[in-house]
Amino acid sequence: MRNFAQPALAMVDTMRAAAADDPGRAIAFGGAPGSNSHQAAMQFAPEALPLPFLGFEDALDAVKQGRAGCAMIPIENSQHGRVADIHFLLPESGLAIVAEHFMRITHALMALGEGPFEAAYSHPQALGQSREFLRTRGIVPMSHADTAGAAAFVAEANNPLIAALAPPMAAELYGLKIIEDAVEDAHDNTTRFVVLANHTLDPAALSGVQSMTTFVFEVKNIPAALYKALGCFATNGVNMTKLESYQKGASFAATMFYADIEGVPGEPRVDTALDELAFQCNSVRILGSYAQARKRG
């Protein structure tokens, strides 16, 4: 049975008990207490009750089952790109994106010993964001489910030759020493999170607000299919700020795209662009409209 490392369990149990008493205030997230997702949730809604889970899928399930009012999920990083599996999980979750949040990310190297270290454990995103730091020090990157969970694992392992890359807060929570702070390779390292809920926001409520709409679409398997799909936005003056592809199934003939545009349904230019897109594609599915947390461009 999967579970958090022992040093995290008491905090997890306390947080889950509080959330169970008032699930509407709970924000589910993937990771141990002290993770970046935990901190993002508290930045976004300081009055909320943090509800930790081992993985993103478990956090999304908690919202679907009514054990949390929403979930805070990292979707992309300025340095290391999209978070693995998110583009599959979001459409399949049945939840809607209702907000976004940007957070500056910093990692610390923390351990029980003083070093040198044979290995450092962390989430693959954090390892990728600190690749050069680890390489120049000869520290082997070792994947873990999340950053703060890696810190709890290192504390539990009681091995002075291993370290964790995690937010500085995790060192305090799990009794580790910060060996070196701000070890990320780029010091403008930023992660974009999205907030998902069981309800959608009415686009009309976003009138006059700089807003985004996120959707997925499947192009037809014909020449120039993507060119025709993107032309729907170009000819209607709709700014697309994100476009990423992924394969649907094993045929490699059905390509899905995940996209963000500025604007919301109800705006004539957006409605026209989406209608034209539906004509050009096999399927279009809107994942949510929400206010911009940061101006694009």
C-alpha atoms as a PDB file:
ATOM      1  CA  MET A   1       0.000   0.000   0.000  1.00  0.00           C
ATOM      2  CA  ARG A   2       1.386   3.388  -0.975  1.00  0.00           C
ATOM      3  CA  ASN A   3       1.808   5.883   1.813  1.00  0.00           C
ATOM      4  CA  PHE A   4       3.823   8.880   2.910  1.00  0.00           C
ATOM      5  CA  ALA A   5       7.136   8.426   4.689  1.00  0.00           C
ATOM      6  CA  GLN A   6       6.801   8.156   8.463  1.00  0.00           C
ATOM      7  CA  PRO A   7       7.987  11.710   9.272  1.00  0.00           C
ATOM      8  CA  ALA A   8       5.089  13.134   7.223  1.00  0.00           C
ATOM      9  CA  LEU A   9       2.289  10.892   8.469  1.00  0.00           C
ATOM     10  CA  ALA A  10       1.281  12.806  11.613  1.00  0.00           C
ATOM     11  CA  MET A  11       0.961  16.076   9.682  1.00  0.00           C
ATOM     12  CA  VAL A  12      -0.960  14.355   6.880  1.00  0.00           C
ATOM     13  CA  ASP A  13      -3.394  12.782   9.380  1.00  0.00           C
ATOM     14  CA  THR A  14      -3.984  16.138  11.082  1.00  0.00           C
ATOM     15  CA  MET A  15      -4.640  17.905   7.777  1.00  0.00           C
ATOM     16  CA  ARG A  16      -6.973  15.157   6.561  1.00  0.00           C
ATOM     17  CA  ALA A  17      -8.976  15.229   9.792  1.00  0.00           C
ATOM     18  CA  ALA A  18      -9.456  19.004   9.523  1.00  0.00           C
ATOM     19  CA  ALA A  19     -10.494  18.721   5.874  1.00  0.00           C
ATOM     20  CA  ALA A  20     -12.965  15.933   6.650  1.00  0.00           C
ATOM     21  CA  ASP A  21     -14.772  18.289   9.056  1.00  0.00           C
ATOM     22  CA  ASP A  22     -15.096  21.034   6.427  1.00  0.00           C
ATOM     23  CA  PRO A  23     -14.470  19.599   2.933  1.00  0.00           C
ATOM     24  CA  GLY A  24     -15.751  22.700   1.162  1.00  0.00           C
ATOM     25  CA  ARG A  25     -12.743  24.641   2.454  1.00  0.00           C
ATOM     26  CA  ALA A  26     -10.224  21.954   1.546  1.00  0.00           C
ATOM     27  CA  ILE A  27      -7.737  22.307  -1.313  1.00  0.00           C
ATOM     28  CA  ALA A  28      -6.377  18.941  -2.416  1.00  0.00           C
ATOM     29  CA  PHE A  29      -2.838  18.725  -3.760  1.00  0.00           C
ATOM     30  CA  GLY A  30      -0.309  16.091  -4.726  1.00  0.00           C
ATOM     31  CA  GLY A  31       2.650  15.944  -2.394  1.00  0.00           C
ATOM     32  CA  ALA A  32       3.656  15.820   1.245  1.00  0.00           C
ATOM     33  CA  PRO A  33       3.250  18.799   3.600  1.00  0.00           C
ATOM     34  CA  GLY A  34       5.811  21.426   2.658  1.00  0.00           C
ATOM     35  CA  SER A  35       5.704  20.683  -1.072  1.00  0.00           C
ATOM     36  CA  ASN A  36       5.475  23.410  -3.689  1.00  0.00           C
ATOM     37  CA  SER A  37       1.846  22.485  -4.332  1.00  0.00           C
ATOM     38  CA  HIS A  38       1.111  22.887  -0.614  1.00  0.00           C
ATOM     39  CA  GLN A  39       2.691  26.326  -0.600  1.00  0.00           C
ATOM     40  CA  ALA A  40       0.883  27.334  -3.801  1.00  0.00           C
ATOM     41  CA  ALA A  41      -2.444  26.314  -2.280  1.00  0.00           C
ATOM     42  CA  MET A  42      -1.790  28.440   0.788  1.00  0.00           C
ATOM     43  CA  GLN A  43      -0.695  31.410  -1.329  1.00  0.00           C
ATOM     44  CA  PHE A  44      -3.814  31.127  -3.451  1.00  0.00           C
ATOM     45  CA  ALA A  45      -6.265  30.717  -0.552  1.00  0.00           C
ATOM     46  CA  PRO A  46      -4.672  31.306   2.891  1.00  0.00           C
ATOM     47  CA  GLU A  47      -7.970  30.536   4.618  1.00  0.00           C
ATOM     48  CA  ALA A  48      -8.281  27.106   2.975  1.00  0.00           C
ATOM     49  CA  LEU A  49      -7.544  23.714   4.519  1.00  0.00           C
ATOM     50  CA  PRO A  50      -4.621  21.938   2.800  1.00  0.00           C
ATOM     51  CA  LEU A  51      -5.365  18.314   1.953  1.00  0.00           C
ATOM     52  CA  PRO A  52      -2.292  16.290   0.873  1.00  0.00           C
ATOM     53  CA  PHE A  53      -2.276  13.206  -1.354  1.00  0.00           C
ATOM     54  CA  LEU A  54       0.534  11.101  -2.765  1.00  0.00           C
ATOM     55  CA  GLY A  55      -0.271  11.949  -6.386  1.00  0.00           C
ATOM     56  CA  PHE A  56      -2.162  14.370  -8.603  1.00  0.00           C
ATOM     57  CA  GLU A  57      -4.742  11.762  -9.595  1.00  0.00           C
ATOM     58  CA  ASP A  58      -5.628  11.132  -5.939  1.00  0.00           C
ATOM     59  CA  ALA A  59      -6.049  14.886  -5.400  1.00  0.00           C
ATOM     60  CA  LEU A  60      -8.392  15.141  -8.390  1.00  0.00           C
ATOM     61  CA  ASP A  61     -10.380  12.138  -7.160  1.00  0.00           C
ATOM     62  CA  ALA A  62     -10.869  13.874  -3.799  1.00  0.00           C
ATOM     63  CA  VAL A  63     -12.596  16.779  -5.560  1.00  0.00           C
ATOM     64  CA  LYS A  64     -14.765  14.446  -7.649  1.00  0.00           C
ATOM     65  CA  GLN A  65     -15.800  12.593  -4.488  1.00  0.00           C
ATOM     66  CA  GLY A  66     -16.622  15.770  -2.548  1.00  0.00           C
ATOM     67  CA  ARG A  67     -13.759  15.431  -0.058  1.00  0.00           C
ATOM     68  CA  ALA A  68     -12.284  18.744  -1.217  1.00  0.00           C
ATOM     69  CA  GLY A  69     -13.710  21.876  -2.744  1.00  0.00           C
ATOM     70  CA  CYS A  70     -10.944  22.153  -5.328  1.00  0.00           C
ATOM     71  CA  ALA A  71      -7.478  20.903  -6.241  1.00  0.00           C
ATOM     72  CA  MET A  72      -4.230  22.800  -6.860  1.00  0.00           C
ATOM     73  CA  ILE A  73      -2.266  21.121  -9.666  1.00  0.00           C
ATOM     74  CA  PRO A  74       1.041  22.204 -11.265  1.00  0.00           C
ATOM     75  CA  ILE A  75       0.761  22.220 -15.024  1.00  0.00           C
ATOM     76  CA  GLU A  76       3.974  23.710 -16.422  1.00  0.00           C
ATOM     77  CA  ASN A  77       7.315  25.150 -15.394  1.00  0.00           C
ATOM     78  CA  SER A  78       9.216  27.975 -17.062  1.00  0.00           C
ATOM     79  CA  GLN A  79      12.418  25.931 -17.060  1.00  0.00           C
ATOM     80  CA  HIS A  80      11.379  22.299 -17.393  1.00  0.00           C
ATOM     81  CA  GLY A  81       8.174  22.437 -19.414  1.00  0.00           C
ATOM     82  CA  ARG A  82       4.911  20.644 -18.762  1.00  0.00           C
ATOM     83  CA  VAL A  83       4.399  18.422 -15.750  1.00  0.00           C
ATOM     84  CA  ALA A  84       4.228  14.774 -16.820  1.00  0.00           C
ATOM     85  CA  ASP A  85       0.778  13.192 -17.304  1.00  0.00           C
ATOM     86  CA  ILE A  86      -1.134  16.392 -16.537  1.00  0.00           C
ATOM     87  CA  HIS A  87      -2.473  16.749 -20.087  1.00  0.00           C
ATOM     88  CA  PHE A  88      -3.976  13.269 -19.797  1.00  0.00           C
ATOM     89  CA  LEU A  89      -5.277  13.676 -16.249  1.00  0.00           C
ATOM     90  CA  LEU A  90      -7.084  16.986 -16.663  1.00  0.00           C
ATOM     91  CA  PRO A  91      -9.433  16.015 -19.509  1.00  0.00           C
ATOM     92  CA  GLU A  92     -10.089  12.612 -17.957  1.00  0.00           C
ATOM     93  CA  SER A  93     -10.858  14.074 -14.521  1.00  0.00           C
ATOM     94  CA  GLY A  94     -14.170  15.633 -15.545  1.00  0.00           C
ATOM     95  CA  LEU A  95     -13.260  18.706 -13.497  1.00  0.00           C
ATOM     96  CA  ALA A  96     -13.102  22.292 -14.730  1.00  0.00           C
ATOM     97  CA  ILE A  97     -10.279  24.807 -14.461  1.00  0.00           C
ATOM     98  CA  VAL A  98     -11.574  27.772 -12.424  1.00  0.00           C
ATOM     99  CA  ALA A  99      -8.343  29.681 -11.680  1.00  0.00           C
ATOM    100  CA  GLU A 100      -4.608  29.790 -12.260  1.00  0.00           C
ATOM    101  CA  HIS A 101      -1.727  30.677  -9.942  1.00  0.00           C
ATOM    102  CA  PHE A 102       1.939  31.410 -10.630  1.00  0.00           C
ATOM    103  CA  MET A 103       4.604  30.759  -8.001  1.00  0.00           C
ATOM    104  CA  ARG A 104       8.333  31.412  -7.961  1.00  0.00           C
ATOM    105  CA  ILE A 105      10.027  28.068  -7.264  1.00  0.00           C
ATOM    106  CA  THR A 106      13.191  27.670  -5.236  1.00  0.00           C
ATOM    107  CA  HIS A 107      14.852  24.433  -4.190  1.00  0.00           C
ATOM    108  CA  ALA A 108      17.262  23.737  -1.358  1.00  0.00           C
ATOM    109  CA  LEU A 109      19.659  20.826  -1.004  1.00  0.00           C
ATOM    110  CA  MET A 110      18.918  19.347   2.427  1.00  0.00           C
ATOM    111  CA  ALA A 111      20.156  16.322   4.352  1.00  0.00           C
ATOM    112  CA  LEU A 112      21.000  14.832   7.728  1.00  0.00           C
ATOM    113  CA  GLY A 113      24.719  14.786   6.951  1.00  0.00           C
ATOM    114  CA  GLU A 114      27.088  17.481   5.737  1.00  0.00           C
ATOM    115  CA  GLY A 115      28.070  15.808   2.456  1.00  0.00           C
ATOM    116  CA  PRO A 116      29.478  14.972   0.033  1.00  0.00           C
ATOM    117  CA  PHE A 117      26.364  13.156  -1.164  1.00  0.00           C
ATOM    118  CA  GLU A 118      25.998  10.197  -3.470  1.00  0.00           C
ATOM    119  CA  ALA A 119      22.417  10.969  -4.514  1.00  0.00           C
ATOM    120  CA  ALA A 120      19.673  13.565  -4.214  1.00  0.00           C
ATOM    121  CA  TYR A 121      15.981  12.616  -4.235  1.00  0.00           C
ATOM    122  CA  SER A 122      13.188  14.808  -5.548  1.00  0.00           C
ATOM    123  CA  HIS A 123      10.324  15.088  -8.011  1.00  0.00           C
ATOM    124  CA  PRO A 124      11.550  14.795 -11.644  1.00  0.00           C
ATOM    125  CA  GLN A 125      10.561  18.414 -12.273  1.00  0.00           C
ATOM    126  CA  ALA A 126      12.795  19.656  -9.433  1.00  0.00           C
ATOM    127  CA  LEU A 127      15.650  17.415 -10.557  1.00  0.00           C
ATOM    128  CA  GLY A 128      15.330  18.801 -14.070  1.00  0.00           C
ATOM    129  CA  GLN A 129      15.259  22.360 -12.787  1.00  0.00           C
ATOM    130  CA  SER A 130      18.501  21.741 -10.870  1.00  0.00           C
ATOM    131  CA  ARG A 131      20.226  19.529 -13.443  1.00  0.00           C
ATOM    132  CA  GLU A 132      23.397  21.626 -13.774  1.00  0.00           C
ATOM    133  CA  PHE A 133      23.776  22.049 -10.012  1.00  0.00           C
ATOM    134  CA  LEU A 134      23.657  18.270  -9.494  1.00  0.00           C
ATOM    135  CA  ARG A 135      25.893  17.475 -12.462  1.00  0.00           C
ATOM    136  CA  THR A 136      28.726  19.773 -11.423  1.00  0.00           C
ATOM    137  CA  ARG A 137      28.736  18.253  -7.929  1.00  0.00           C
ATOM    138  CA  GLY A 138      28.587  14.653  -9.087  1.00  0.00           C
ATOM    139  CA  ILE A 139      25.309  14.013  -7.266  1.00  0.00           C
ATOM    140  CA  VAL A 140      23.113  11.341  -8.857  1.00  0.00           C
ATOM    141  CA  PRO A 141      19.475  12.510  -9.312  1.00  0.00           C
ATOM    142  CA  MET A 142      16.931  10.024  -7.951  1.00  0.00           C
ATOM    143  CA  SER A 143      13.243  10.364  -8.746  1.00  0.00           C
ATOM    144  CA  HIS A 144      10.650  10.595  -5.979  1.00  0.00           C
ATOM    145  CA  ALA A 145       6.903  11.208  -5.969  1.00  0.00           C
ATOM    146  CA  ASP A 146       7.283  14.813  -4.778  1.00  0.00           C
ATOM    147  CA  THR A 147       9.776  17.289  -3.346  1.00  0.00           C
ATOM    148  CA  ALA A 148       8.689  17.432   0.284  1.00  0.00           C
ATOM    149  CA  GLY A 149       8.023  13.698   0.233  1.00  0.00           C
ATOM    150  CA  ALA A 150      11.657  13.240  -0.768  1.00  0.00           C
ATOM    151  CA  ALA A 151      12.700  15.270   2.278  1.00  0.00           C
ATOM    152  CA  ALA A 152      10.558  13.055   4.518  1.00  0.00           C
ATOM    153  CA  PHE A 153      12.080   9.965   2.873  1.00  0.00           C
ATOM    154  CA  VAL A 154      15.638  11.226   3.499  1.00  0.00           C
ATOM    155  CA  ALA A 155      14.773  11.943   7.129  1.00  0.00           C
ATOM    156  CA  GLU A 156      13.326   8.454   7.544  1.00  0.00           C
ATOM    157  CA  ALA A 157      16.236   6.725   5.768  1.00  0.00           C
ATOM    158  CA  ASN A 158      18.742   8.177   8.234  1.00  0.00           C
ATOM    159  CA  ASN A 159      21.507   7.918   5.632  1.00  0.00           C
ATOM    160  CA  PRO A 160      24.047  10.786   5.694  1.00  0.00           C
ATOM    161  CA  LEU A 161      25.102  10.066   2.100  1.00  0.00           C
ATOM    162  CA  ILE A 162      21.763  11.025   0.524  1.00  0.00           C
ATOM    163  CA  ALA A 163      20.031  14.380   0.254  1.00  0.00           C
ATOM    164  CA  ALA A 164      16.754  15.851  -0.982  1.00  0.00           C
ATOM    165  CA  LEU A 165      15.891  18.767  -3.228  1.00  0.00           C
ATOM    166  CA  ALA A 166      12.851  20.422  -1.719  1.00  0.00           C
ATOM    167  CA  PRO A 167      11.413  23.787  -0.663  1.00  0.00           C
ATOM    168  CA  PRO A 168      13.255  25.231   2.370  1.00  0.00           C
ATOM    169  CA  MET A 169      10.064  24.802   4.415  1.00  0.00           C
ATOM    170  CA  ALA A 170      10.473  21.015   4.140  1.00  0.00           C
ATOM    171  CA  ALA A 171      13.809  21.087   5.960  1.00  0.00           C
ATOM    172  CA  GLU A 172      12.138  22.641   8.987  1.00  0.00           C
ATOM    173  CA  LEU A 173       9.206  20.222   8.891  1.00  0.00           C
ATOM    174  CA  TYR A 174      11.354  17.083   8.644  1.00  0.00           C
ATOM    175  CA  GLY A 175      14.392  18.008  10.731  1.00  0.00           C
ATOM    176  CA  LEU A 176      16.921  18.310   7.897  1.00  0.00           C
ATOM    177  CA  LYS A 177      19.800  20.768   7.488  1.00  0.00           C
ATOM    178  CA  ILE A 178      19.868  23.071   4.482  1.00  0.00           C
ATOM    179  CA  ILE A 179      23.231  22.446   2.849  1.00  0.00           C
ATOM    180  CA  GLU A 180      22.746  24.932   0.034  1.00  0.00           C
ATOM    181  CA  ASP A 181      19.797  27.174  -0.817  1.00  0.00           C
ATOM    182  CA  ALA A 182      18.456  28.317  -4.204  1.00  0.00           C
ATOM    183  CA  VAL A 183      20.043  25.468  -6.172  1.00  0.00           C
ATOM    184  CA  GLU A 184      17.716  25.767  -9.178  1.00  0.00           C
ATOM    185  CA  ASP A 185      19.640  26.521 -12.360  1.00  0.00           C
ATOM    186  CA  ALA A 186      17.470  29.529 -13.332  1.00  0.00           C
ATOM    187  CA  HIS A 187      16.607  32.071 -10.688  1.00  0.00           C
ATOM    188  CA  ASP A 188      13.405  33.155 -12.408  1.00  0.00           C
ATOM    189  CA  ASN A 189      12.161  29.565 -12.090  1.00  0.00           C
ATOM    190  CA  THR A 190       8.342  29.741 -12.028  1.00  0.00           C
ATOM    191  CA  THR A 191       5.561  27.147 -12.041  1.00  0.00           C
ATOM    192  CA  ARG A 192       2.041  27.702 -13.266  1.00  0.00           C
ATOM    193  CA  PHE A 193      -0.666  25.939 -11.278  1.00  0.00           C
ATOM    194  CA  VAL A 194      -4.331  25.505 -12.143  1.00  0.00           C
ATOM    195  CA  VAL A 195      -7.223  25.188  -9.710  1.00  0.00           C
ATOM    196  CA  LEU A 196      -9.836  22.562 -10.577  1.00  0.00           C
ATOM    197  CA  ALA A 197     -13.361  22.217  -9.229  1.00  0.00           C
ATOM    198  CA  ASN A 198     -16.558  20.267  -9.868  1.00  0.00           C
ATOM    199  CA  HIS A 199     -18.219  23.358 -11.333  1.00  0.00           C
ATOM    200  CA  THR A 200     -17.381  25.625 -14.254  1.00  0.00           C
ATOM    201  CA  LEU A 201     -17.213  29.402 -14.065  1.00  0.00           C
ATOM    202  CA  ASP A 202     -19.901  31.176 -16.058  1.00  0.00           C
ATOM    203  CA  PRO A 203     -17.979  33.059 -18.780  1.00  0.00           C
ATOM    204  CA  ALA A 204     -20.449  35.929 -18.375  1.00  0.00           C
ATOM    205  CA  ALA A 205     -19.103  36.445 -14.841  1.00  0.00           C
ATOM    206  CA  LEU A 206     -15.692  37.162 -16.389  1.00  0.00           C
ATOM    207  CA  SER A 207     -16.988  40.063 -18.475  1.00  0.00           C
ATOM    208  CA  GLY A 208     -14.485  42.924 -18.379  1.00  0.00           C
ATOM    209  CA  VAL A 209     -11.813  40.702 -16.815  1.00  0.00           C
ATOM    210  CA  GLN A 210      -8.666  39.620 -18.659  1.00  0.00           C
ATOM    211  CA  SER A 211      -9.408  35.919 -18.943  1.00  0.00           C
ATOM    212  CA  MET A 212      -8.196  32.633 -20.398  1.00  0.00           C
ATOM    213  CA  THR A 213      -9.934  29.615 -21.860  1.00  0.00           C
ATOM    214  CA  THR A 214      -8.282  26.192 -21.888  1.00  0.00           C
ATOM    215  CA  PHE A 215      -9.416  23.398 -24.187  1.00  0.00           C
ATOM    216  CA  VAL A 216      -8.296  20.224 -25.926  1.00  0.00           C
ATOM    217  CA  PHE A 217      -8.971  19.286 -29.532  1.00  0.00           C
ATOM    218  CA  GLU A 218      -8.275  16.391 -31.873  1.00  0.00           C
ATOM    219  CA  VAL A 219      -7.311  17.235 -35.431  1.00  0.00           C
ATOM    220  CA  LYS A 220      -8.371  15.161 -38.402  1.00  0.00           C
ATOM    221  CA  ASN A 221      -5.710  12.857 -39.853  1.00  0.00           C
ATOM    222  CA  ILE A 222      -5.404  14.820 -43.109  1.00  0.00           C
ATOM    223  CA  PRO A 223      -2.764  17.142 -44.606  1.00  0.00           C
ATOM    224  CA  ALA A 224      -2.693  20.672 -43.135  1.00  0.00           C
ATOM    225  CA  ALA A 225      -5.141  19.747 -40.366  1.00  0.00           C
ATOM    226  CA  LEU A 226      -3.280  21.728 -37.706  1.00  0.00           C
ATOM    227  CA  TYR A 227      -2.734  24.659 -40.076  1.00  0.00           C
ATOM    228  CA  LYS A 228      -6.481  24.864 -40.675  1.00  0.00           C
ATOM    229  CA  ALA A 229      -7.247  24.550 -36.961  1.00  0.00           C
ATOM    230  CA  LEU A 230      -4.885  27.343 -35.975  1.00  0.00           C
ATOM    231  CA  GLY A 231      -6.213  29.535 -38.770  1.00  0.00           C
ATOM    232  CA  CYS A 232      -9.526  29.682 -36.911  1.00  0.00           C
ATOM    233  CA  PHE A 233      -7.865  31.788 -34.221  1.00  0.00           C
ATOM    234  CA  ALA A 234      -5.604  33.823 -36.484  1.00  0.00           C
ATOM    235  CA  THR A 235      -8.437  35.018 -38.742  1.00  0.00           C
ATOM    236  CA  ASN A 236     -10.596  35.969 -35.750  1.00  0.00           C
ATOM    237  CA  GLY A 237      -7.885  37.827 -33.850  1.00  0.00           C
ATOM    238  CA  VAL A 238      -7.776  35.446 -30.889  1.00  0.00           C
ATOM    239  CA  ASN A 239      -4.392  35.164 -29.193  1.00  0.00           C
ATOM    240  CA  MET A 240      -3.270  31.591 -28.471  1.00  0.00           C
ATOM    241  CA  THR A 241      -0.721  31.543 -25.646  1.00  0.00           C
ATOM    242  CA  LYS A 242      -0.096  27.806 -25.377  1.00  0.00           C
ATOM    243  CA  LEU A 243      -0.252  24.815 -27.705  1.00  0.00           C
ATOM    244  CA  GLU A 244       1.060  21.333 -26.928  1.00  0.00           C
ATOM    245  CA  SER A 245       0.467  18.014 -28.648  1.00  0.00           C
ATOM    246  CA  TYR A 246       0.105  14.506 -27.294  1.00  0.00           C
ATOM    247  CA  GLN A 247      -0.928  11.178 -28.767  1.00  0.00           C
ATOM    248  CA  LYS A 248      -4.295   9.589 -28.105  1.00  0.00           C
ATOM    249  CA  GLY A 249      -4.006   5.819 -27.931  1.00  0.00           C
ATOM    250  CA  ALA A 250      -1.421   3.655 -29.669  1.00  0.00           C
ATOM    251  CA  SER A 251      -2.386   4.235 -33.301  1.00  0.00           C
ATOM    252  CA  PHE A 252      -0.272   7.413 -33.562  1.00  0.00           C
ATOM    253  CA  ALA A 253      -2.911   8.646 -36.004  1.00  0.00           C
ATOM    254  CA  ALA A 254      -5.028  10.679 -33.558  1.00  0.00           C
ATOM    255  CA  THR A 255      -3.147  13.719 -32.326  1.00  0.00           C
ATOM    256  CA  MET A 256      -4.605  15.722 -29.457  1.00  0.00           C
ATOM    257  CA  PHE A 257      -3.685  19.319 -28.700  1.00  0.00           C
ATOM    258  CA  TYR A 258      -3.914  21.204 -25.424  1.00  0.00           C
ATOM    259  CA  ALA A 259      -4.354  24.964 -25.865  1.00  0.00           C
ATOM    260  CA  ASP A 260      -4.843  28.225 -23.964  1.00  0.00           C
ATOM    261  CA  ILE A 261      -6.359  31.302 -25.574  1.00  0.00           C
ATOM    262  CA  GLU A 262      -7.062  34.798 -24.306  1.00  0.00           C
ATOM    263  CA  GLY A 263     -10.793  35.418 -24.049  1.00  0.00           C
ATOM    264  CA  VAL A 264     -13.890  33.412 -23.122  1.00  0.00           C
ATOM    265  CA  PRO A 265     -16.956  31.951 -24.838  1.00  0.00           C
ATOM    266  CA  GLY A 266     -19.593  34.641 -25.248  1.00  0.00           C
ATOM    267  CA  GLU A 267     -17.130  36.990 -26.905  1.00  0.00           C
ATOM    268  CA  PRO A 268     -18.054  37.014 -30.625  1.00  0.00           C
ATOM    269  CA  ARG A 269     -14.481  36.490 -31.858  1.00  0.00           C
ATOM    270  CA  VAL A 270     -13.947  33.560 -29.471  1.00  0.00           C
ATOM    271  CA  ASP A 271     -17.293  31.973 -30.330  1.00  0.00           C
ATOM    272  CA  THR A 272     -16.590  32.213 -34.039  1.00  0.00           C
ATOM    273  CA  ALA A 273     -13.081  30.771 -33.636  1.00  0.00           C
ATOM    274  CA  LEU A 274     -14.340  27.828 -31.571  1.00  0.00           C
ATOM    275  CA  ASP A 275     -17.207  27.144 -33.998  1.00  0.00           C
ATOM    276  CA  GLU A 276     -14.755  27.073 -36.897  1.00  0.00           C
ATOM    277  CA  LEU A 277     -12.406  24.849 -34.893  1.00  0.00           C
ATOM    278  CA  ALA A 278     -15.210  22.351 -34.252  1.00  0.00           C
ATOM    279  CA  PHE A 279     -15.814  22.180 -38.003  1.00  0.00           C
ATOM    280  CA  GLN A 280     -12.123  21.522 -38.714  1.00  0.00           C
ATOM    281  CA  CYS A 281     -11.558  18.920 -35.966  1.00  0.00           C
ATOM    282  CA  ASN A 282     -12.842  15.569 -34.794  1.00  0.00           C
ATOM    283  CA  SER A 283     -13.547  16.904 -31.311  1.00  0.00           C
ATOM    284  CA  VAL A 284     -13.193  20.020 -29.145  1.00  0.00           C
ATOM    285  CA  ARG A 285     -13.602  20.079 -25.382  1.00  0.00           C
ATOM    286  CA  ILE A 286     -13.385  23.172 -23.199  1.00  0.00           C
ATOM    287  CA  LEU A 287     -11.703  22.544 -19.833  1.00  0.00           C
ATOM    288  CA  GLY A 288     -12.539  25.914 -18.309  1.00  0.00           C
ATOM    289  CA  SER A 289     -12.526  29.704 -18.501  1.00  0.00           C
ATOM    290  CA  TYR A 290     -10.949  31.729 -15.711  1.00  0.00           C
ATOM    291  CA  ALA A 291      -9.331  35.057 -14.872  1.00  0.00           C
ATOM    292  CA  GLN A 292      -5.694  35.608 -15.810  1.00  0.00           C
ATOM    293  CA  ALA A 293      -3.380  35.538 -12.805  1.00  0.00           C
ATOM    294  CA  ARG A 294      -0.606  37.067 -14.890  1.00  0.00           C
ATOM    295  CA  LYS A 295      -0.855  39.208 -18.016  1.00  0.00           C
ATOM    296  CA  ARG A 296       0.419  37.430 -21.111  1.00  0.00           C
ATOM    297  CA  GLY A 297       2.885  39.128 -23.424  1.00  0.00           C
END
